[in-house]
C-alpha cells in the first residue's frame, strides 16, 4: 500500500485538530498523493451529518471523494452508532481493529490528530 494514513481521533469540537487533519489530506491530494483517512474514538462523530462547520465539511467531502475513508467499527459500537448514522455522501468504509492493524503495517507514515 505505501503512503500515509491520517488517523482522526478527535471529535468535531476539536476544530483546530480536525482542521489540521483535513487540510493535510487536501494538501496531499493536491500533490497527487492520496492518503488513507481513518476515523476512530471521538473522531467517528466527525462523519455524522452536520457535525462539522461548512468549511471543514468541504475539506472532508473533497477528501472523501478522492481518498479512502474508513471508520473503526468498534468505535461506532462503543458510541451506539452504526454506519447508517454516518453521512452517506462520505462513503466511509467500516474496518475492525484487526483490519486497522494490517493497514497500519502497510503504510509508510501514520499521522494522528
N, C-alpha and C. Protein backbone atom coordinates (compact mmCIF):
# COMPACT_ATOMS: atom_id res chain seq x y z
N UNK A 1 0.82 -1.18 0.00
CA UNK A 1 0.00 0.00 0.00
C UNK A 1 0.87 1.25 0.00
N UNK A 2 1.82 1.39 0.93
CA UNK A 2 2.65 2.59 1.00
C UNK A 2 1.83 3.80 1.37
N UNK A 3 2.41 4.95 1.33
CA UNK A 3 1.68 6.18 1.56
C UNK A 3 1.51 6.55 3.00
N UNK A 4 0.49 7.38 3.25
CA UNK A 4 0.26 7.98 4.55
C UNK A 4 -1.15 7.64 5.04
N UNK A 5 -1.26 7.32 6.32
CA UNK A 5 -2.54 7.14 6.96
C UNK A 5 -2.74 8.30 7.93
N UNK A 6 -3.86 8.99 7.78
CA UNK A 6 -4.23 10.07 8.69
C UNK A 6 -5.31 9.52 9.61
N UNK A 7 -5.00 9.43 10.90
CA UNK A 7 -5.92 8.90 11.89
C UNK A 7 -6.54 10.06 12.65
N UNK A 8 -7.86 10.13 12.64
CA UNK A 8 -8.58 11.20 13.32
C UNK A 8 -9.26 10.61 14.55
N UNK A 9 -8.75 10.99 15.73
CA UNK A 9 -9.32 10.52 16.99
C UNK A 9 -10.11 11.61 17.69
N UNK A 10 -9.95 12.85 17.25
CA UNK A 10 -10.60 13.99 17.89
C UNK A 10 -12.01 14.19 17.35
N UNK A 11 -12.89 14.63 18.23
CA UNK A 11 -14.27 14.88 17.83
C UNK A 11 -14.44 16.22 17.16
N UNK A 12 -15.64 16.49 16.67
CA UNK A 12 -15.92 17.72 15.92
C UNK A 12 -15.62 19.02 16.66
N UNK A 13 -15.63 19.00 17.99
CA UNK A 13 -15.37 20.22 18.75
C UNK A 13 -13.90 20.60 18.77
N UNK A 14 -13.03 19.67 18.44
CA UNK A 14 -11.59 19.96 18.36
C UNK A 14 -11.28 20.52 16.98
N UNK A 15 -11.81 21.70 16.72
CA UNK A 15 -11.79 22.30 15.38
C UNK A 15 -10.37 22.41 14.82
N UNK A 16 -9.41 22.85 15.62
CA UNK A 16 -8.06 23.04 15.08
C UNK A 16 -7.42 21.70 14.72
N UNK A 17 -7.67 20.67 15.51
CA UNK A 17 -7.10 19.34 15.21
C UNK A 17 -7.76 18.74 13.96
N UNK A 18 -9.08 18.82 13.90
CA UNK A 18 -9.79 18.29 12.73
C UNK A 18 -9.39 19.08 11.49
N UNK A 19 -9.31 20.38 11.63
CA UNK A 19 -8.89 21.22 10.50
C UNK A 19 -7.51 20.86 10.02
N UNK A 20 -6.59 20.61 10.95
CA UNK A 20 -5.23 20.21 10.56
C UNK A 20 -5.22 18.91 9.80
N UNK A 21 -5.99 17.95 10.27
CA UNK A 21 -6.06 16.65 9.59
C UNK A 21 -6.63 16.78 8.18
N UNK A 22 -7.70 17.52 8.06
CA UNK A 22 -8.36 17.64 6.76
C UNK A 22 -7.57 18.51 5.79
N UNK A 23 -6.91 19.54 6.30
CA UNK A 23 -6.06 20.36 5.41
C UNK A 23 -4.85 19.55 4.94
N UNK A 24 -4.29 18.71 5.82
CA UNK A 24 -3.19 17.83 5.40
C UNK A 24 -3.66 16.88 4.31
N UNK A 25 -4.83 16.29 4.48
CA UNK A 25 -5.37 15.39 3.46
C UNK A 25 -5.57 16.12 2.14
N UNK A 26 -6.13 17.33 2.20
CA UNK A 26 -6.35 18.10 0.97
C UNK A 26 -5.04 18.46 0.30
N UNK A 27 -4.04 18.83 1.09
CA UNK A 27 -2.73 19.16 0.52
C UNK A 27 -2.11 17.95 -0.16
N UNK A 28 -2.23 16.82 0.47
CA UNK A 28 -1.67 15.60 -0.12
C UNK A 28 -2.39 15.24 -1.42
N UNK A 29 -3.70 15.42 -1.41
CA UNK A 29 -4.46 15.16 -2.63
C UNK A 29 -4.05 16.11 -3.75
N UNK A 30 -3.77 17.36 -3.37
CA UNK A 30 -3.32 18.35 -4.34
C UNK A 30 -1.98 18.01 -4.96
N UNK A 31 -1.18 17.22 -4.24
CA UNK A 31 0.12 16.77 -4.77
C UNK A 31 0.02 15.39 -5.39
N UNK A 32 -1.23 14.93 -5.63
CA UNK A 32 -1.49 13.62 -6.22
C UNK A 32 -0.89 12.49 -5.38
N UNK A 33 -1.05 12.62 -4.07
CA UNK A 33 -0.54 11.65 -3.12
C UNK A 33 -1.65 11.34 -2.12
N UNK A 34 -2.69 10.61 -2.57
CA UNK A 34 -3.87 10.42 -1.72
C UNK A 34 -3.57 9.63 -0.44
N UNK A 35 -3.98 10.18 0.70
CA UNK A 35 -3.80 9.47 1.96
C UNK A 35 -4.98 8.52 2.21
N UNK A 36 -4.86 7.74 3.25
CA UNK A 36 -5.97 6.95 3.77
C UNK A 36 -6.41 7.64 5.05
N UNK A 37 -7.68 7.95 5.15
CA UNK A 37 -8.24 8.59 6.34
C UNK A 37 -8.96 7.55 7.18
N UNK A 38 -8.64 7.52 8.48
CA UNK A 38 -9.31 6.60 9.39
C UNK A 38 -9.85 7.39 10.57
N UNK A 39 -11.13 7.23 10.86
CA UNK A 39 -11.77 7.91 11.97
C UNK A 39 -12.07 6.89 13.07
N UNK A 40 -11.59 7.20 14.28
CA UNK A 40 -11.85 6.32 15.41
C UNK A 40 -12.05 7.14 16.67
N UNK A 41 -12.38 6.47 17.76
CA UNK A 41 -12.69 7.13 19.02
C UNK A 41 -13.71 8.24 18.77
N UNK A 42 -13.50 9.44 19.32
CA UNK A 42 -14.45 10.54 19.12
C UNK A 42 -14.48 11.03 17.68
N UNK A 43 -13.45 10.69 16.91
CA UNK A 43 -13.39 11.11 15.51
C UNK A 43 -14.53 10.59 14.66
N UNK A 44 -15.14 9.46 15.07
CA UNK A 44 -16.26 8.93 14.29
C UNK A 44 -17.41 9.92 14.22
N UNK A 45 -17.52 10.78 15.24
CA UNK A 45 -18.60 11.77 15.24
C UNK A 45 -18.43 12.82 14.15
N UNK A 46 -17.22 12.98 13.63
CA UNK A 46 -16.98 13.92 12.53
C UNK A 46 -17.70 13.48 11.26
N UNK A 47 -18.03 12.21 11.17
CA UNK A 47 -18.65 11.65 9.98
C UNK A 47 -20.17 11.71 10.02
N UNK A 48 -20.72 12.23 11.11
CA UNK A 48 -22.17 12.34 11.24
C UNK A 48 -22.66 13.57 10.48
N UNK A 49 -23.86 13.50 9.92
CA UNK A 49 -24.40 14.65 9.18
C UNK A 49 -24.44 15.91 10.05
N UNK A 50 -23.93 17.00 9.51
CA UNK A 50 -23.99 18.29 10.19
C UNK A 50 -23.02 18.45 11.34
N UNK A 51 -22.10 17.52 11.53
CA UNK A 51 -21.18 17.57 12.67
C UNK A 51 -20.11 18.65 12.52
N UNK A 52 -19.72 18.96 11.30
CA UNK A 52 -18.64 19.91 11.07
C UNK A 52 -19.17 21.20 10.47
N UNK A 53 -18.45 22.30 10.73
CA UNK A 53 -18.85 23.55 10.10
C UNK A 53 -18.61 23.45 8.59
N UNK A 54 -19.26 24.31 7.82
CA UNK A 54 -19.20 24.18 6.35
C UNK A 54 -17.78 24.15 5.76
N UNK A 55 -16.86 24.94 6.30
CA UNK A 55 -15.50 24.95 5.77
C UNK A 55 -14.81 23.61 5.94
N UNK A 56 -14.92 23.04 7.14
CA UNK A 56 -14.31 21.73 7.39
C UNK A 56 -15.03 20.63 6.61
N UNK A 57 -16.35 20.78 6.50
CA UNK A 57 -17.13 19.80 5.73
C UNK A 57 -16.61 19.74 4.29
N UNK A 58 -16.33 20.90 3.69
CA UNK A 58 -15.84 20.93 2.32
C UNK A 58 -14.53 20.16 2.18
N UNK A 59 -13.63 20.35 3.14
CA UNK A 59 -12.37 19.60 3.13
C UNK A 59 -12.63 18.10 3.27
N UNK A 60 -13.52 17.73 4.17
CA UNK A 60 -13.82 16.31 4.39
C UNK A 60 -14.46 15.70 3.15
N UNK A 61 -15.41 16.38 2.56
CA UNK A 61 -16.09 15.84 1.37
C UNK A 61 -15.12 15.70 0.20
N UNK A 62 -14.26 16.70 0.00
CA UNK A 62 -13.28 16.61 -1.08
C UNK A 62 -12.33 15.44 -0.85
N UNK A 63 -11.91 15.28 0.39
CA UNK A 63 -11.02 14.16 0.71
C UNK A 63 -11.72 12.83 0.50
N UNK A 64 -12.98 12.74 0.92
CA UNK A 64 -13.74 11.51 0.76
C UNK A 64 -13.97 11.16 -0.70
N UNK A 65 -14.09 12.19 -1.54
CA UNK A 65 -14.29 11.95 -2.97
C UNK A 65 -13.06 11.36 -3.64
N UNK A 66 -11.88 11.67 -3.09
CA UNK A 66 -10.64 11.31 -3.77
C UNK A 66 -9.74 10.33 -3.00
N UNK A 67 -10.06 10.05 -1.75
CA UNK A 67 -9.22 9.17 -0.94
C UNK A 67 -10.11 8.15 -0.22
N UNK A 68 -9.47 7.12 0.31
CA UNK A 68 -10.20 6.12 1.08
C UNK A 68 -10.50 6.66 2.47
N UNK A 69 -11.75 6.51 2.90
CA UNK A 69 -12.17 6.93 4.23
C UNK A 69 -12.69 5.69 4.95
N UNK A 70 -12.13 5.44 6.13
CA UNK A 70 -12.53 4.29 6.93
C UNK A 70 -12.98 4.76 8.30
N UNK A 71 -13.83 3.97 8.93
CA UNK A 71 -14.29 4.24 10.29
C UNK A 71 -14.15 2.95 11.09
N UNK A 72 -13.60 3.06 12.29
CA UNK A 72 -13.39 1.89 13.12
C UNK A 72 -14.73 1.42 13.68
N UNK A 73 -15.11 0.19 13.34
CA UNK A 73 -16.41 -0.33 13.75
C UNK A 73 -16.55 -0.42 15.26
N UNK A 74 -15.47 -0.74 15.96
CA UNK A 74 -15.54 -0.80 17.42
C UNK A 74 -15.85 0.56 18.03
N UNK A 75 -15.32 1.63 17.43
CA UNK A 75 -15.61 2.98 17.93
C UNK A 75 -17.07 3.35 17.70
N UNK A 76 -17.61 2.92 16.57
CA UNK A 76 -19.04 3.15 16.33
C UNK A 76 -19.87 2.43 17.38
N UNK A 77 -19.57 1.16 17.60
CA UNK A 77 -20.33 0.36 18.57
C UNK A 77 -20.25 0.94 19.97
N UNK A 78 -19.09 1.41 20.38
CA UNK A 78 -18.92 2.00 21.71
C UNK A 78 -19.81 3.22 21.91
N UNK A 79 -20.15 3.89 20.82
CA UNK A 79 -20.97 5.09 20.89
C UNK A 79 -22.42 4.82 20.51
N UNK A 80 -22.76 3.57 20.32
CA UNK A 80 -24.13 3.22 19.96
C UNK A 80 -24.51 3.67 18.56
N UNK A 81 -23.51 3.79 17.69
CA UNK A 81 -23.74 4.23 16.32
C UNK A 81 -23.55 3.09 15.34
N UNK A 82 -24.13 3.25 14.18
CA UNK A 82 -23.92 2.32 13.08
C UNK A 82 -23.55 3.10 11.83
N UNK A 83 -23.23 2.41 10.79
CA UNK A 83 -22.87 3.06 9.53
C UNK A 83 -24.02 3.94 9.02
N UNK A 84 -25.24 3.54 9.30
CA UNK A 84 -26.41 4.32 8.87
C UNK A 84 -26.49 5.68 9.55
N UNK A 85 -25.78 5.86 10.66
CA UNK A 85 -25.76 7.14 11.36
C UNK A 85 -24.75 8.12 10.76
N UNK A 86 -23.93 7.65 9.84
CA UNK A 86 -22.91 8.48 9.22
C UNK A 86 -23.45 9.11 7.94
N UNK A 87 -22.85 10.21 7.54
CA UNK A 87 -23.27 10.89 6.31
C UNK A 87 -22.95 9.99 5.12
N UNK A 88 -23.95 9.54 4.38
CA UNK A 88 -23.70 8.61 3.27
C UNK A 88 -22.88 9.21 2.13
N UNK A 89 -22.83 10.53 2.05
CA UNK A 89 -22.06 11.18 0.98
C UNK A 89 -20.56 10.97 1.15
N UNK A 90 -20.14 10.55 2.35
CA UNK A 90 -18.71 10.35 2.61
C UNK A 90 -18.23 8.96 2.23
N UNK A 91 -19.13 8.01 2.12
CA UNK A 91 -18.76 6.66 1.73
C UNK A 91 -17.75 6.00 2.66
N UNK A 92 -17.87 6.26 3.95
CA UNK A 92 -16.92 5.68 4.91
C UNK A 92 -17.10 4.16 5.00
N UNK A 93 -15.99 3.47 4.90
CA UNK A 93 -15.97 2.02 4.96
C UNK A 93 -15.62 1.56 6.37
N UNK A 94 -16.48 0.74 6.99
CA UNK A 94 -16.14 0.23 8.32
C UNK A 94 -14.93 -0.71 8.25
N UNK A 95 -14.11 -0.63 9.29
CA UNK A 95 -12.94 -1.50 9.40
C UNK A 95 -12.82 -1.87 10.88
N UNK A 96 -12.47 -3.14 11.14
CA UNK A 96 -12.30 -3.53 12.54
C UNK A 96 -10.85 -3.33 12.97
N UNK A 97 -10.57 -3.57 14.24
CA UNK A 97 -9.24 -3.31 14.78
C UNK A 97 -8.17 -4.14 14.08
N UNK A 98 -8.48 -5.39 13.75
CA UNK A 98 -7.51 -6.22 13.04
C UNK A 98 -7.20 -5.65 11.66
N UNK A 99 -8.23 -5.18 10.97
CA UNK A 99 -8.03 -4.56 9.66
C UNK A 99 -7.22 -3.28 9.76
N UNK A 100 -7.46 -2.51 10.82
CA UNK A 100 -6.71 -1.28 11.04
C UNK A 100 -5.24 -1.60 11.28
N UNK A 101 -4.98 -2.63 12.08
CA UNK A 101 -3.59 -3.02 12.36
C UNK A 101 -2.88 -3.46 11.08
N UNK A 102 -3.56 -4.21 10.24
CA UNK A 102 -2.97 -4.63 8.96
C UNK A 102 -2.69 -3.42 8.07
N UNK A 103 -3.63 -2.50 8.03
CA UNK A 103 -3.47 -1.31 7.22
C UNK A 103 -2.28 -0.48 7.72
N UNK A 104 -2.16 -0.36 9.03
CA UNK A 104 -1.08 0.43 9.62
C UNK A 104 0.29 -0.18 9.29
N UNK A 105 0.34 -1.48 9.18
CA UNK A 105 1.60 -2.14 8.82
C UNK A 105 1.99 -1.87 7.37
N UNK A 106 1.02 -1.59 6.52
CA UNK A 106 1.27 -1.42 5.10
C UNK A 106 1.66 0.01 4.70
N UNK A 107 1.32 1.00 5.53
CA UNK A 107 1.63 2.38 5.19
C UNK A 107 3.02 2.75 5.68
N UNK A 108 3.59 3.77 5.06
CA UNK A 108 4.92 4.24 5.45
C UNK A 108 4.88 5.18 6.64
N UNK A 109 3.82 6.01 6.72
CA UNK A 109 3.71 7.03 7.75
C UNK A 109 2.28 7.05 8.28
N UNK A 110 2.16 7.18 9.61
CA UNK A 110 0.86 7.35 10.24
C UNK A 110 0.89 8.65 11.04
N UNK A 111 -0.09 9.50 10.80
CA UNK A 111 -0.21 10.78 11.49
C UNK A 111 -1.53 10.78 12.22
N UNK A 112 -1.50 11.11 13.51
CA UNK A 112 -2.74 11.11 14.31
C UNK A 112 -3.11 12.53 14.72
N UNK A 113 -4.40 12.80 14.66
CA UNK A 113 -4.94 14.10 15.07
C UNK A 113 -6.04 13.88 16.09
